[in-house]
Structures are given as C-alpha cells and as structure tokens.
Amino acid sequence: MTVGDERLQPNGSDAGSADVLRELLDGLAPELAAPVFMHSSWTEKRSESYERLAFLGDSVLGLAITTHLFPRLDPDQYGPGRLTKIRAQTVSGRSCRTVAERLGVPARLRAAVPDVAAPTVEALIATERVLASVIEAVIGAVYLQHGYDVAAAAVVEAFAPEIDEALEHPVDFKSALQERLAQRGETVIYAVVDETGPPHDRTFTVSAQIAGEQVATGAGRSKKDAEQQAARLALAEIVA
C-alpha cells in the first residue's frame, strides 16, 4: 500500500460492503424508486426510465470518489494525471457493473421487468452499460432524497474494493500497448467507429489500428474507456 492508502477505507465499513447504499435504496420514496429499475424500452415515456437519474448519479459518483481521494493521497506521488487515471478506473463501467452485482441489481431488474418485456431482461442484465447506468441511477436517487453527504459516504463504502484495486493495480492498457509496439517500431491509432445511445448515455466503439490494420475493437461509455478496452484486446492479440 502506498502512503495514505490505509486511510482510504471508510470508517466502520468492511471492504466489499454495499450495506449502506442497499439500505438507502430500499428506503427510497416511491417516486424515486420507480424509475431506478425502469429501462427505457419498458415504458412508453422515456422520462420514466432511469436515464435522467443515471445522468445525475454519474456526476455524484465522480465527485464522491474525487473528494474522497484528493485529501488522502500524497500530492508528491499523486499528481492530477495519476489521480485522473485512478478515478477513471474506480468509476469505469466495469467497476460500476461489479458494484451493481454486489448490490443485487440483476435480481432487482428481473423483479421490475413488465411481463411484456420479460424476454429481454436477461440480455439487458448481461450488458455492462445497463448495470452501470442502474447503479448510477441508484446514486442519483439517493442524492435527491438524502443529499450529497449521505450519498457520497454510501458511494465510498460501496466502491471501496474498486478504490483499492485502482490504487494497487492501476490499469493503463494504452500505455502498455504503446510500450510493447515501440519495441517493434510500430504505433497504434485509435478511431471511433460507432456511437449509440442518447447524448447523455452514449456508448462508443473504438478500433485499435496497427500498421493500417484493425487489430481489435472496444466499447465503453466514454471514448477513453473504449480505447482502454480496445488496447487490452489488442495486447492480447499481439502476444498470443
């Protein structure tokens, strides 16, 4: 563990616990709880889905993690660039999916799906973007009901393992790929090949091209996430 890491564990919480966030979710007012697990394809009015709450929760999540990390990490070791990477890894779609599973989101989606849409629920549950969006919607709803301080504390507890993982095992597949290609005198170019979803909930598909050839593609909720995914898959291809 690096300087200050021991202070990153939330007081009175076990790593991997989402108990506080779960209790807050269970206590949400009906008008906030109803849209949290409502996919846009399940309702005629898109405004009744989780999308707006996810938009809000995404900002609360990022601020909560940033505010938690900033005063606790040695400024000589953790400049803005390194902090940005740690935060990005902590709040990535993959991390949010893990927290969603820890919170029991798949089972809650199965319970919430209308009968007419039941055949689609398993495909949605298997989608990282859906689970990540739901956990953000949960955070957004908790923020609206309880305010920032309560929501932020619950977020830090729920994401504690992801914080630790980002500190102990930072992931930067783009740098690793670039270093490996440099040994071969090659470079990689990333290009966005597709964008789907509404403006506030986009999914980007990015290709990693080496020597003019597309080696891998990655998808993510931001261009940076998609590039990291493409780099990870490209690394696997060139070392295979």
Protein backbone atom coordinates (compact mmCIF):
# COMPACT_ATOMS: atom_id res chain seq x y z
CA MET A 1 0.00 0.00 0.00
CA THR A 2 1.25 3.48 -0.78
CA VAL A 3 1.40 6.49 1.52
CA GLY A 4 -2.05 7.34 2.80
CA ASP A 5 -3.77 4.25 1.36
CA GLU A 6 -4.61 2.93 4.80
CA ARG A 7 -6.83 5.94 5.26
CA LEU A 8 -8.91 5.14 2.21
CA GLN A 9 -11.05 2.56 3.93
CA PRO A 10 -14.34 4.14 5.06
CA ASN A 11 -14.69 4.15 8.83
CA GLY A 12 -16.76 1.32 10.25
CA SER A 13 -17.19 -0.42 6.88
CA ASP A 14 -15.89 -3.71 5.55
CA ALA A 15 -14.30 -3.79 2.12
CA GLY A 16 -16.82 -5.08 -0.37
CA SER A 17 -19.85 -3.96 1.61
CA ALA A 18 -22.67 -2.07 -0.05
CA ASP A 19 -24.91 -2.28 3.01
CA VAL A 20 -25.44 1.46 3.41
CA LEU A 21 -26.26 2.01 -0.25
CA ARG A 22 -28.57 -1.01 -0.18
CA GLU A 23 -30.44 0.32 2.86
CA LEU A 24 -30.78 3.74 1.28
CA LEU A 25 -32.07 2.15 -1.92
CA ASP A 26 -34.63 0.11 -0.01
CA GLY A 27 -35.83 3.27 1.75
CA LEU A 28 -36.30 5.42 -1.36
CA ALA A 29 -39.57 7.24 -1.80
CA PRO A 30 -41.80 5.52 -4.39
CA GLU A 31 -41.49 8.35 -6.90
CA LEU A 32 -37.70 7.95 -6.85
CA ALA A 33 -37.59 4.17 -6.56
CA ALA A 34 -39.92 3.55 -9.51
CA PRO A 35 -37.65 4.79 -12.31
CA VAL A 36 -34.40 3.37 -10.89
CA PHE A 37 -35.01 -0.08 -12.38
CA MET A 38 -37.06 1.02 -15.39
CA HIS A 39 -35.31 0.53 -18.71
CA SER A 40 -36.35 2.96 -21.44
CA SER A 41 -37.61 0.10 -23.63
CA TRP A 42 -40.04 -0.93 -20.90
CA THR A 43 -42.02 2.32 -20.86
CA GLU A 44 -43.72 4.50 -23.43
CA LYS A 45 -42.31 7.65 -21.80
CA ARG A 46 -38.51 7.72 -21.78
CA SER A 47 -38.64 10.24 -18.92
CA GLU A 48 -39.96 7.45 -16.68
CA SER A 49 -36.79 5.39 -17.16
CA TYR A 50 -33.57 5.54 -15.14
CA GLU A 51 -31.70 7.64 -17.69
CA ARG A 52 -32.08 11.07 -16.05
CA LEU A 53 -31.23 9.69 -12.61
CA ALA A 54 -28.17 7.96 -14.10
CA PHE A 55 -27.05 11.26 -15.62
CA LEU A 56 -27.22 12.85 -12.17
CA GLY A 57 -25.71 9.88 -10.37
CA ASP A 58 -22.72 9.80 -12.71
CA SER A 59 -21.73 13.29 -11.52
CA VAL A 60 -22.32 12.45 -7.85
CA LEU A 61 -20.24 9.28 -8.19
CA GLY A 62 -17.31 11.09 -9.79
CA LEU A 63 -17.35 13.90 -7.22
CA ALA A 64 -17.66 11.49 -4.28
CA ILE A 65 -14.64 9.45 -5.36
CA THR A 66 -12.59 12.53 -6.20
CA THR A 67 -13.41 14.21 -2.88
CA HIS A 68 -12.50 11.01 -1.04
CA LEU A 69 -9.18 10.50 -2.81
CA PHE A 70 -7.89 14.07 -3.04
CA PRO A 71 -7.01 14.83 0.61
CA ARG A 72 -5.83 11.29 1.38
CA LEU A 73 -3.12 10.75 -1.20
CA ASP A 74 0.37 12.22 -1.06
CA PRO A 75 0.44 15.15 -3.53
CA ASP A 76 4.09 14.43 -4.35
CA GLN A 77 3.16 10.94 -5.54
CA TYR A 78 -0.32 11.58 -6.91
CA GLY A 79 -0.44 14.46 -9.37
CA PRO A 80 -3.55 15.33 -11.39
CA GLY A 81 -2.72 12.88 -14.17
CA ARG A 82 -2.38 9.93 -11.83
CA LEU A 83 -5.47 10.96 -9.85
CA THR A 84 -7.46 11.13 -13.07
CA LYS A 85 -6.48 7.58 -14.01
CA ILE A 86 -7.29 6.24 -10.54
CA ARG A 87 -10.70 7.91 -10.58
CA ALA A 88 -11.43 6.74 -14.12
CA GLN A 89 -10.64 3.15 -13.20
CA THR A 90 -12.68 3.36 -9.99
CA VAL A 91 -15.81 4.68 -11.70
CA SER A 92 -15.42 2.80 -15.01
CA GLY A 93 -18.28 0.83 -16.48
CA ARG A 94 -16.60 -2.37 -15.37
CA SER A 95 -16.36 -1.16 -11.76
CA CYS A 96 -19.94 0.07 -11.76
CA ARG A 97 -21.09 -3.30 -13.06
CA THR A 98 -19.27 -5.06 -10.23
CA VAL A 99 -20.89 -2.80 -7.64
CA ALA A 100 -24.29 -3.31 -9.29
CA GLU A 101 -23.88 -7.07 -8.97
CA ARG A 102 -22.78 -6.63 -5.35
CA LEU A 103 -25.95 -4.64 -4.73
CA GLY A 104 -28.15 -7.28 -6.32
CA VAL A 105 -29.18 -5.16 -9.30
CA PRO A 106 -29.71 -8.13 -11.69
CA ALA A 107 -32.31 -9.67 -9.35
CA ARG A 108 -33.99 -6.30 -8.87
CA LEU A 109 -34.23 -5.81 -12.64
CA ARG A 110 -35.80 -9.24 -13.02
CA ALA A 111 -38.37 -8.31 -10.38
CA ALA A 112 -39.13 -4.96 -12.01
CA VAL A 113 -39.47 -6.02 -15.66
CA PRO A 114 -43.02 -5.80 -17.05
CA ASP A 115 -44.41 -9.13 -18.23
CA VAL A 116 -44.44 -7.99 -21.84
CA ALA A 117 -40.70 -7.23 -21.71
CA ALA A 118 -39.66 -10.28 -19.70
CA PRO A 119 -37.94 -11.99 -22.66
CA THR A 120 -35.47 -9.08 -22.93
CA VAL A 121 -34.36 -8.82 -19.32
CA GLU A 122 -31.53 -11.38 -19.39
CA ALA A 123 -29.90 -9.70 -22.38
CA LEU A 124 -30.08 -6.36 -20.60
CA ILE A 125 -28.63 -7.77 -17.38
CA ALA A 126 -25.69 -9.11 -19.37
CA THR A 127 -24.93 -5.61 -20.65
CA GLU A 128 -22.32 -3.63 -18.75
CA ARG A 129 -23.84 -0.32 -19.77
CA VAL A 130 -27.26 -1.21 -18.33
CA LEU A 131 -25.92 -2.35 -14.95
CA ALA A 132 -23.60 0.66 -14.75
CA SER A 133 -26.45 3.02 -15.58
CA VAL A 134 -28.69 1.48 -12.94
CA ILE A 135 -26.07 1.85 -10.20
CA GLU A 136 -25.67 5.49 -11.25
CA ALA A 137 -29.45 5.90 -11.11
CA VAL A 138 -29.44 4.47 -7.59
CA ILE A 139 -26.81 7.02 -6.58
CA GLY A 140 -28.75 9.84 -8.24
CA ALA A 141 -31.96 8.88 -6.43
CA VAL A 142 -30.17 8.61 -3.08
CA TYR A 143 -28.65 12.03 -3.65
CA LEU A 144 -32.06 13.58 -4.35
CA GLN A 145 -33.59 12.08 -1.21
CA HIS A 146 -30.72 12.40 1.26
CA GLY A 147 -28.31 14.99 -0.13
CA TYR A 148 -24.68 14.83 -1.12
CA ASP A 149 -23.01 13.92 2.20
CA VAL A 150 -25.13 10.81 2.76
CA ALA A 151 -24.89 9.73 -0.88
CA ALA A 152 -21.12 10.26 -1.01
CA ALA A 153 -20.49 8.22 2.14
CA ALA A 154 -22.56 5.36 0.74
CA VAL A 155 -20.69 5.54 -2.57
CA VAL A 156 -17.29 5.40 -0.90
CA GLU A 157 -18.30 2.34 1.11
CA ALA A 158 -19.79 0.56 -1.92
CA PHE A 159 -16.78 1.31 -4.15
CA ALA A 160 -14.09 0.63 -1.50
CA PRO A 161 -12.75 -2.52 -3.25
CA GLU A 162 -12.65 -0.68 -6.58
CA ILE A 163 -10.71 2.18 -4.95
CA ASP A 164 -8.20 -0.29 -3.51
CA GLU A 165 -7.87 -2.10 -6.84
CA ALA A 166 -7.22 1.16 -8.70
CA LEU A 167 -4.55 2.12 -6.18
CA GLU A 168 -2.80 -1.24 -6.00
CA HIS A 169 -3.25 -2.39 -9.62
CA PRO A 170 -3.71 0.64 -11.87
CA VAL A 171 -4.82 -0.34 -15.34
CA ASP A 172 -3.41 1.53 -18.33
CA PHE A 173 -3.61 -0.81 -21.28
CA LYS A 174 -2.95 2.02 -23.75
CA SER A 175 0.47 2.73 -22.24
CA ALA A 176 1.30 -0.96 -22.05
CA LEU A 177 0.36 -1.44 -25.71
CA GLN A 178 2.32 1.62 -26.78
CA GLU A 179 5.43 0.42 -24.95
CA ARG A 180 5.21 -3.05 -26.50
CA LEU A 181 4.69 -1.66 -30.00
CA ALA A 182 7.61 0.77 -29.56
CA GLN A 183 9.89 -2.24 -29.20
CA ARG A 184 8.75 -3.29 -32.68
CA GLY A 185 8.95 0.19 -34.17
CA GLU A 186 5.17 0.39 -34.55
CA THR A 187 2.44 2.68 -33.27
CA VAL A 188 -1.29 2.37 -32.66
CA ILE A 189 -4.07 4.65 -33.87
CA TYR A 190 -7.49 4.73 -32.19
CA ALA A 191 -10.58 5.64 -34.18
CA VAL A 192 -14.23 5.92 -33.15
CA VAL A 193 -16.19 3.61 -35.44
CA ASP A 194 -19.63 3.82 -33.82
CA GLU A 195 -21.66 5.81 -31.30
CA THR A 196 -25.02 4.66 -29.94
CA GLY A 197 -27.49 5.81 -27.31
CA PRO A 198 -28.85 9.24 -26.32
CA PRO A 199 -26.42 12.15 -25.82
CA HIS A 200 -26.31 11.73 -22.04
CA ASP A 201 -25.83 7.95 -22.18
CA ARG A 202 -23.59 7.21 -25.14
CA THR A 203 -21.72 4.02 -25.91
CA PHE A 204 -18.60 4.43 -28.04
CA THR A 205 -16.95 1.74 -30.15
CA VAL A 206 -13.29 2.36 -30.91
CA SER A 207 -10.91 0.42 -33.15
CA ALA A 208 -7.21 -0.05 -32.46
CA GLN A 209 -5.29 0.05 -35.73
CA ILE A 210 -1.69 -1.10 -36.05
CA ALA A 211 0.19 -0.71 -39.32
CA GLY A 212 -3.06 0.26 -41.01
CA GLU A 213 -4.83 -2.90 -39.88
CA GLN A 214 -7.68 -3.06 -37.36
CA VAL A 215 -6.44 -5.38 -34.63
CA ALA A 216 -9.22 -5.01 -32.06
CA THR A 217 -12.30 -3.01 -31.15
CA GLY A 218 -13.50 -1.94 -27.72
CA ALA A 219 -16.69 -0.40 -26.38
CA GLY A 220 -17.23 1.89 -23.42
CA ARG A 221 -19.35 4.67 -22.00
CA SER A 222 -16.61 7.16 -22.83
CA LYS A 223 -14.05 7.31 -25.62
CA LYS A 224 -11.27 6.75 -23.06
CA ASP A 225 -12.94 3.61 -21.69
CA ALA A 226 -13.46 2.29 -25.22
CA GLU A 227 -9.82 2.97 -26.10
CA GLN A 228 -8.64 1.13 -22.98
CA GLN A 229 -10.81 -1.84 -23.89
CA ALA A 230 -9.52 -1.83 -27.46
CA ALA A 231 -5.94 -1.61 -26.19
CA ARG A 232 -6.50 -4.53 -23.81
CA LEU A 233 -7.83 -6.71 -26.62
CA ALA A 234 -5.06 -5.59 -28.97
CA LEU A 235 -2.46 -6.55 -26.37
CA ALA A 236 -3.99 -10.00 -26.14
CA GLU A 237 -3.83 -10.34 -29.92
CA ILE A 238 -0.19 -9.35 -30.36
CA VAL A 239 1.09 -11.52 -27.51
CA ALA A 240 -0.98 -14.55 -28.49
